[in-house]
Amino acid sequence: MKGLLGICISMQMTFVLLFITGITPKLNSYVGATIYLIIGCASLVISLYLAGKKFLLGISFIAFIFSLLIICFTIFIYFLPEAGMPLEIPLFE
């Protein structure tokens, strides 16, 4: 169980490092969105599993909230238009 929590937190720290260092804007938009969504969804599943097993419930809940924020951030940045700017990744053309 501690290993899963470590994996979940390390994935979230990887997201923060990728965001702070600015590596993903240099990549293709599709690659950046895929990386962020994989990190967000995987950490969400792990945190829900740990919360279901009642393992360190407070930390699991915080990891769950941060995973939701990662997913919402990715959707906001890559899939929603903003102030007349075109979409980074158009879903429907």
C-alpha atoms as a PDB file:
ATOM      1  CA  MET A   1       0.000   0.000   0.000  1.00  0.00           C
ATOM      2  CA  LYS A   2       2.810   2.429   0.793  1.00  0.00           C
ATOM      3  CA  GLY A   3       4.325   1.645  -2.585  1.00  0.00           C
ATOM      4  CA  LEU A   4       1.115   2.626  -4.382  1.00  0.00           C
ATOM      5  CA  LEU A   5       0.906   5.853  -2.432  1.00  0.00           C
ATOM      6  CA  GLY A   6       4.512   6.601  -3.331  1.00  0.00           C
ATOM      7  CA  ILE A   7       3.775   5.947  -7.006  1.00  0.00           C
ATOM      8  CA  CYS A   8       0.724   8.215  -6.872  1.00  0.00           C
ATOM      9  CA  ILE A   9       2.606  11.070  -5.217  1.00  0.00           C
ATOM     10  CA  SER A  10       5.623  10.665  -7.502  1.00  0.00           C
ATOM     11  CA  MET A  11       3.372  10.885 -10.584  1.00  0.00           C
ATOM     12  CA  GLN A  12       1.870  14.089  -9.238  1.00  0.00           C
ATOM     13  CA  MET A  13       5.328  15.477  -8.514  1.00  0.00           C
ATOM     14  CA  THR A  14       6.307  14.578 -12.079  1.00  0.00           C
ATOM     15  CA  PHE A  15       3.371  16.656 -13.318  1.00  0.00           C
ATOM     16  CA  VAL A  16       4.502  19.616 -11.221  1.00  0.00           C
ATOM     17  CA  LEU A  17       8.081  19.300 -12.475  1.00  0.00           C
ATOM     18  CA  LEU A  18       6.947  19.042 -16.103  1.00  0.00           C
ATOM     19  CA  PHE A  19       4.765  22.107 -15.632  1.00  0.00           C
ATOM     20  CA  ILE A  20       7.399  24.206 -13.837  1.00  0.00           C
ATOM     21  CA  THR A  21      10.276  23.359 -16.165  1.00  0.00           C
ATOM     22  CA  GLY A  22       8.205  24.064 -19.285  1.00  0.00           C
ATOM     23  CA  ILE A  23       9.125  20.888 -21.125  1.00  0.00           C
ATOM     24  CA  THR A  24       5.647  20.050 -22.419  1.00  0.00           C
ATOM     25  CA  PRO A  25       5.066  23.281 -24.408  1.00  0.00           C
ATOM     26  CA  LYS A  26       8.139  22.376 -26.450  1.00  0.00           C
ATOM     27  CA  LEU A  27       6.529  19.053 -27.338  1.00  0.00           C
ATOM     28  CA  ASN A  28       3.585  18.470 -29.609  1.00  0.00           C
ATOM     29  CA  SER A  29       0.240  19.498 -28.067  1.00  0.00           C
ATOM     30  CA  TYR A  30      -1.103  15.975 -28.416  1.00  0.00           C
ATOM     31  CA  VAL A  31       1.894  14.503 -26.597  1.00  0.00           C
ATOM     32  CA  GLY A  32       1.633  17.033 -23.762  1.00  0.00           C
ATOM     33  CA  ALA A  33      -2.088  16.476 -23.294  1.00  0.00           C
ATOM     34  CA  THR A  34      -1.631  12.696 -23.367  1.00  0.00           C
ATOM     35  CA  ILE A  35       1.134  12.813 -20.764  1.00  0.00           C
ATOM     36  CA  TYR A  36      -0.915  15.039 -18.463  1.00  0.00           C
ATOM     37  CA  LEU A  37      -4.064  12.942 -18.852  1.00  0.00           C
ATOM     38  CA  ILE A  38      -2.197   9.685 -18.199  1.00  0.00           C
ATOM     39  CA  ILE A  39      -0.623  11.131 -15.058  1.00  0.00           C
ATOM     40  CA  GLY A  40      -3.960  12.525 -13.866  1.00  0.00           C
ATOM     41  CA  CYS A  41      -6.060   9.433 -14.563  1.00  0.00           C
ATOM     42  CA  ALA A  42      -3.514   6.964 -13.176  1.00  0.00           C
ATOM     43  CA  SER A  43      -3.052   8.912  -9.961  1.00  0.00           C
ATOM     44  CA  LEU A  44      -6.832   9.307  -9.687  1.00  0.00           C
ATOM     45  CA  VAL A  45      -7.361   5.544  -9.935  1.00  0.00           C
ATOM     46  CA  ILE A  46      -4.611   4.817  -7.427  1.00  0.00           C
ATOM     47  CA  SER A  47      -5.870   7.395  -4.934  1.00  0.00           C
ATOM     48  CA  LEU A  48      -9.430   6.064  -5.204  1.00  0.00           C
ATOM     49  CA  TYR A  49      -8.157   2.527  -4.642  1.00  0.00           C
ATOM     50  CA  LEU A  50      -6.207   3.612  -1.571  1.00  0.00           C
ATOM     51  CA  ALA A  51      -9.181   5.563  -0.219  1.00  0.00           C
ATOM     52  CA  GLY A  52     -11.390   2.514  -0.736  1.00  0.00           C
ATOM     53  CA  LYS A  53      -8.948   0.424   1.299  1.00  0.00           C
ATOM     54  CA  LYS A  54      -8.946   3.191   3.945  1.00  0.00           C
ATOM     55  CA  PHE A  55      -5.160   3.491   3.773  1.00  0.00           C
ATOM     56  CA  LEU A  56      -4.044   6.904   5.097  1.00  0.00           C
ATOM     57  CA  LEU A  57      -7.416   8.342   4.228  1.00  0.00           C
ATOM     58  CA  GLY A  58      -6.411  12.016   4.551  1.00  0.00           C
ATOM     59  CA  ILE A  59      -3.414  11.726   2.248  1.00  0.00           C
ATOM     60  CA  SER A  60      -5.412   9.610  -0.202  1.00  0.00           C
ATOM     61  CA  PHE A  61      -8.113  12.285  -0.266  1.00  0.00           C
ATOM     62  CA  ILE A  62      -5.546  15.027  -0.926  1.00  0.00           C
ATOM     63  CA  ALA A  63      -4.043  12.925  -3.742  1.00  0.00           C
ATOM     64  CA  PHE A  64      -7.571  12.450  -5.154  1.00  0.00           C
ATOM     65  CA  ILE A  65      -8.238  16.205  -5.150  1.00  0.00           C
ATOM     66  CA  PHE A  66      -4.877  16.951  -6.778  1.00  0.00           C
ATOM     67  CA  SER A  67      -5.566  14.315  -9.445  1.00  0.00           C
ATOM     68  CA  LEU A  68      -8.883  15.973 -10.246  1.00  0.00           C
ATOM     69  CA  LEU A  69      -7.112  19.320 -10.507  1.00  0.00           C
ATOM     70  CA  ILE A  70      -4.574  17.849 -12.943  1.00  0.00           C
ATOM     71  CA  ILE A  71      -7.363  16.492 -15.149  1.00  0.00           C
ATOM     72  CA  CYS A  72      -9.371  19.733 -15.018  1.00  0.00           C
ATOM     73  CA  PHE A  73      -6.239  21.775 -15.786  1.00  0.00           C
ATOM     74  CA  THR A  74      -5.470  19.607 -18.807  1.00  0.00           C
ATOM     75  CA  ILE A  75      -9.005  19.916 -20.149  1.00  0.00           C
ATOM     76  CA  PHE A  76      -8.968  23.680 -19.589  1.00  0.00           C
ATOM     77  CA  ILE A  77      -5.607  24.255 -21.278  1.00  0.00           C
ATOM     78  CA  TYR A  78      -5.822  21.883 -24.224  1.00  0.00           C
ATOM     79  CA  PHE A  79      -9.512  21.354 -25.023  1.00  0.00           C
ATOM     80  CA  LEU A  80     -11.338  24.644 -24.289  1.00  0.00           C
ATOM     81  CA  PRO A  81     -11.140  27.856 -26.336  1.00  0.00           C
ATOM     82  CA  GLU A  82     -10.152  31.036 -24.579  1.00  0.00           C
ATOM     83  CA  ALA A  83     -10.855  34.656 -25.537  1.00  0.00           C
ATOM     84  CA  GLY A  84     -11.124  33.959 -29.241  1.00  0.00           C
ATOM     85  CA  MET A  85      -7.912  31.956 -29.399  1.00  0.00           C
ATOM     86  CA  PRO A  86      -8.187  28.675 -31.300  1.00  0.00           C
ATOM     87  CA  LEU A  87      -8.151  25.328 -29.532  1.00  0.00           C
ATOM     88  CA  GLU A  88      -4.838  23.590 -28.968  1.00  0.00           C
ATOM     89  CA  ILE A  89      -6.459  20.238 -29.734  1.00  0.00           C
ATOM     90  CA  PRO A  90      -9.745  20.511 -31.671  1.00  0.00           C
ATOM     91  CA  LEU A  91     -12.117  17.688 -30.779  1.00  0.00           C
ATOM     92  CA  PHE A  92     -14.721  18.367 -33.440  1.00  0.00           C
ATOM     93  CA  GLU A  93     -13.982  20.237 -36.627  1.00  0.00           C
END
